[in-house]
Amino acid sequence: MKNLWPQPDAPRPGWAEKDQLENELHAEVCTGKMTLADAQHCIASNWVECWEKHVVLGYGPEWASENRYGW
């Protein structure tokens, strides 16, 4: 039960963004860029902050500033 909670679509970031993050962390663990323990800690501690660090940065600062909240 500790690992289960609803994943709403809105407000954003929502379930789709969390899925993006899960895929990115999976790729980073598989390529050795990140340990599994670090990936687990990142998503469990504050997944939105983790998403901003690992997914949003890939889009660049202009996209991030325009789309951070309330898309």
N, C-alpha and C. Protein backbone atom coordinates (compact mmCIF):
# COMPACT_ATOMS: atom_id res chain seq x y z
N MET A 1 0.82 -1.20 0.00
CA MET A 1 0.00 0.00 0.00
C MET A 1 0.87 1.26 0.00
N LYS A 2 2.06 1.20 0.61
CA LYS A 2 2.91 2.39 0.67
C LYS A 2 3.35 2.84 -0.71
N ASN A 3 3.35 1.94 -1.68
CA ASN A 3 3.85 2.25 -3.02
C ASN A 3 2.72 2.55 -4.01
N LEU A 4 1.49 2.68 -3.54
CA LEU A 4 0.36 2.91 -4.44
C LEU A 4 -0.32 4.25 -4.15
N TRP A 5 -0.55 5.03 -5.20
CA TRP A 5 -1.36 6.24 -5.08
C TRP A 5 -1.86 6.62 -6.47
N PRO A 6 -2.93 7.38 -6.55
CA PRO A 6 -3.49 7.76 -7.86
C PRO A 6 -2.51 8.61 -8.66
N GLN A 7 -2.59 8.46 -9.96
CA GLN A 7 -1.78 9.28 -10.86
C GLN A 7 -2.71 10.08 -11.77
N PRO A 8 -3.12 11.26 -11.33
CA PRO A 8 -4.05 12.07 -12.14
C PRO A 8 -3.38 12.65 -13.38
N ASP A 9 -4.21 13.03 -14.33
CA ASP A 9 -3.72 13.69 -15.54
C ASP A 9 -3.51 15.18 -15.29
N ALA A 10 -4.37 15.77 -14.49
CA ALA A 10 -4.28 17.21 -14.21
C ALA A 10 -4.32 17.40 -12.70
N PRO A 11 -3.64 18.37 -12.18
CA PRO A 11 -2.81 19.34 -12.89
C PRO A 11 -1.52 18.68 -13.38
N ARG A 12 -0.93 19.36 -14.31
CA ARG A 12 0.31 18.88 -14.87
C ARG A 12 1.48 19.39 -14.07
N PRO A 13 2.56 18.67 -13.97
CA PRO A 13 2.80 17.37 -14.55
C PRO A 13 1.95 16.29 -13.90
N GLY A 14 1.51 15.35 -14.72
CA GLY A 14 0.63 14.28 -14.26
C GLY A 14 1.18 12.92 -14.63
N TRP A 15 0.28 11.97 -14.86
CA TRP A 15 0.70 10.59 -15.09
C TRP A 15 1.59 10.44 -16.31
N ALA A 16 1.32 11.17 -17.38
CA ALA A 16 2.11 11.03 -18.61
C ALA A 16 3.55 11.47 -18.37
N GLU A 17 3.72 12.56 -17.62
CA GLU A 17 5.06 13.04 -17.32
C GLU A 17 5.80 12.08 -16.39
N LYS A 18 5.05 11.48 -15.46
CA LYS A 18 5.68 10.51 -14.56
C LYS A 18 6.10 9.27 -15.35
N ASP A 19 5.29 8.86 -16.33
CA ASP A 19 5.69 7.75 -17.19
C ASP A 19 6.96 8.08 -17.97
N GLN A 20 7.05 9.31 -18.46
CA GLN A 20 8.26 9.77 -19.14
C GLN A 20 9.46 9.62 -18.23
N LEU A 21 9.30 10.07 -17.00
CA LEU A 21 10.38 10.00 -16.02
C LEU A 21 10.77 8.55 -15.76
N GLU A 22 9.79 7.68 -15.58
CA GLU A 22 10.09 6.27 -15.33
C GLU A 22 10.91 5.69 -16.47
N ASN A 23 10.55 6.02 -17.70
CA ASN A 23 11.29 5.52 -18.87
C ASN A 23 12.71 6.08 -18.91
N GLU A 24 12.85 7.35 -18.60
CA GLU A 24 14.18 7.98 -18.60
C GLU A 24 15.07 7.37 -17.52
N LEU A 25 14.54 7.20 -16.31
CA LEU A 25 15.33 6.61 -15.24
C LEU A 25 15.71 5.17 -15.58
N HIS A 26 14.78 4.43 -16.17
CA HIS A 26 15.08 3.06 -16.61
C HIS A 26 16.26 3.06 -17.57
N ALA A 27 16.24 3.96 -18.54
CA ALA A 27 17.33 4.04 -19.52
C ALA A 27 18.65 4.40 -18.84
N GLU A 28 18.61 5.34 -17.91
CA GLU A 28 19.83 5.76 -17.22
C GLU A 28 20.41 4.63 -16.37
N VAL A 29 19.54 3.86 -15.73
CA VAL A 29 20.03 2.71 -14.93
C VAL A 29 20.62 1.66 -15.86
N CYS A 30 19.94 1.36 -16.95
CA CYS A 30 20.41 0.32 -17.87
C CYS A 30 21.72 0.67 -18.56
N THR A 31 21.98 1.96 -18.77
CA THR A 31 23.23 2.37 -19.42
C THR A 31 24.33 2.67 -18.41
N GLY A 32 24.02 2.54 -17.13
CA GLY A 32 25.03 2.75 -16.11
C GLY A 32 25.25 4.20 -15.72
N LYS A 33 24.40 5.09 -16.20
CA LYS A 33 24.52 6.51 -15.85
C LYS A 33 24.04 6.80 -14.44
N MET A 34 23.24 5.88 -13.88
CA MET A 34 22.65 6.08 -12.56
C MET A 34 22.48 4.71 -11.92
N THR A 35 22.64 4.65 -10.62
CA THR A 35 22.39 3.38 -9.93
C THR A 35 20.89 3.21 -9.73
N LEU A 36 20.49 1.97 -9.56
CA LEU A 36 19.08 1.69 -9.30
C LEU A 36 18.64 2.37 -8.01
N ALA A 37 19.47 2.33 -6.98
CA ALA A 37 19.12 2.96 -5.70
C ALA A 37 18.92 4.46 -5.87
N ASP A 38 19.77 5.11 -6.66
CA ASP A 38 19.61 6.56 -6.89
C ASP A 38 18.33 6.86 -7.66
N ALA A 39 18.01 6.03 -8.65
CA ALA A 39 16.78 6.23 -9.42
C ALA A 39 15.55 6.05 -8.53
N GLN A 40 15.58 5.04 -7.69
CA GLN A 40 14.47 4.81 -6.77
C GLN A 40 14.30 5.96 -5.79
N HIS A 41 15.39 6.44 -5.26
CA HIS A 41 15.33 7.57 -4.33
C HIS A 41 14.80 8.82 -5.02
N CYS A 42 15.27 9.07 -6.23
CA CYS A 42 14.86 10.26 -6.99
C CYS A 42 13.34 10.29 -7.18
N ILE A 43 12.78 9.19 -7.65
CA ILE A 43 11.35 9.19 -7.97
C ILE A 43 10.50 9.09 -6.70
N ALA A 44 11.03 8.47 -5.66
CA ALA A 44 10.25 8.30 -4.43
C ALA A 44 10.26 9.56 -3.56
N SER A 45 11.32 10.35 -3.63
CA SER A 45 11.44 11.50 -2.73
C SER A 45 10.63 12.70 -3.23
N ASN A 46 10.76 13.06 -4.51
CA ASN A 46 10.02 14.18 -5.09
C ASN A 46 10.04 13.98 -6.60
N TRP A 47 9.07 13.27 -7.12
CA TRP A 47 9.14 12.89 -8.52
C TRP A 47 9.06 14.08 -9.47
N VAL A 48 8.37 15.16 -9.08
CA VAL A 48 8.28 16.33 -9.97
C VAL A 48 9.66 16.98 -10.10
N GLU A 49 10.35 17.13 -9.00
CA GLU A 49 11.71 17.68 -9.04
C GLU A 49 12.63 16.75 -9.85
N CYS A 50 12.47 15.47 -9.66
CA CYS A 50 13.25 14.48 -10.41
C CYS A 50 12.95 14.59 -11.91
N TRP A 51 11.69 14.73 -12.27
CA TRP A 51 11.27 14.89 -13.67
C TRP A 51 11.89 16.14 -14.27
N GLU A 52 11.87 17.24 -13.50
CA GLU A 52 12.47 18.49 -14.00
C GLU A 52 13.96 18.32 -14.26
N LYS A 53 14.62 17.57 -13.43
CA LYS A 53 16.06 17.36 -13.55
C LYS A 53 16.42 16.41 -14.69
N HIS A 54 15.65 15.34 -14.86
CA HIS A 54 16.05 14.29 -15.81
C HIS A 54 15.31 14.33 -17.13
N VAL A 55 14.14 14.95 -17.21
CA VAL A 55 13.39 14.98 -18.46
C VAL A 55 13.32 16.39 -19.03
N VAL A 56 12.91 17.35 -18.23
CA VAL A 56 12.70 18.72 -18.71
C VAL A 56 14.00 19.32 -19.25
N LEU A 57 15.10 19.06 -18.60
CA LEU A 57 16.37 19.63 -19.06
C LEU A 57 16.70 19.21 -20.49
N GLY A 58 16.22 18.06 -20.90
CA GLY A 58 16.44 17.60 -22.26
C GLY A 58 15.73 18.44 -23.30
N TYR A 59 14.69 19.16 -22.89
CA TYR A 59 13.95 20.02 -23.81
C TYR A 59 14.55 21.43 -23.91
N GLY A 60 15.38 21.79 -22.98
CA GLY A 60 16.02 23.10 -22.98
C GLY A 60 15.33 24.09 -22.06
N PRO A 61 16.06 25.15 -21.67
CA PRO A 61 15.54 26.10 -20.70
C PRO A 61 14.34 26.91 -21.18
N GLU A 62 14.24 27.21 -22.47
CA GLU A 62 13.11 27.99 -22.97
C GLU A 62 11.81 27.20 -22.84
N TRP A 63 11.86 25.91 -23.25
CA TRP A 63 10.68 25.07 -23.12
C TRP A 63 10.29 24.93 -21.65
N ALA A 64 11.29 24.72 -20.81
CA ALA A 64 11.03 24.52 -19.38
C ALA A 64 10.37 25.74 -18.76
N SER A 65 10.83 26.94 -19.10
CA SER A 65 10.24 28.13 -18.51
C SER A 65 8.82 28.37 -19.00
N GLU A 66 8.53 27.98 -20.23
CA GLU A 66 7.18 28.18 -20.78
C GLU A 66 6.21 27.10 -20.33
N ASN A 67 6.70 25.92 -19.99
CA ASN A 67 5.83 24.78 -19.76
C ASN A 67 5.93 24.16 -18.37
N ARG A 68 6.58 24.80 -17.46
CA ARG A 68 6.80 24.18 -16.17
C ARG A 68 5.49 23.89 -15.46
N TYR A 69 4.55 24.80 -15.47
CA TYR A 69 3.28 24.60 -14.76
C TYR A 69 2.12 25.03 -15.65
N GLY A 70 1.02 24.33 -15.50
CA GLY A 70 -0.24 24.73 -16.13
C GLY A 70 -0.29 24.71 -17.63
N TRP A 71 0.36 23.81 -18.27
CA TRP A 71 0.44 23.74 -19.72
C TRP A 71 -0.87 24.04 -20.31
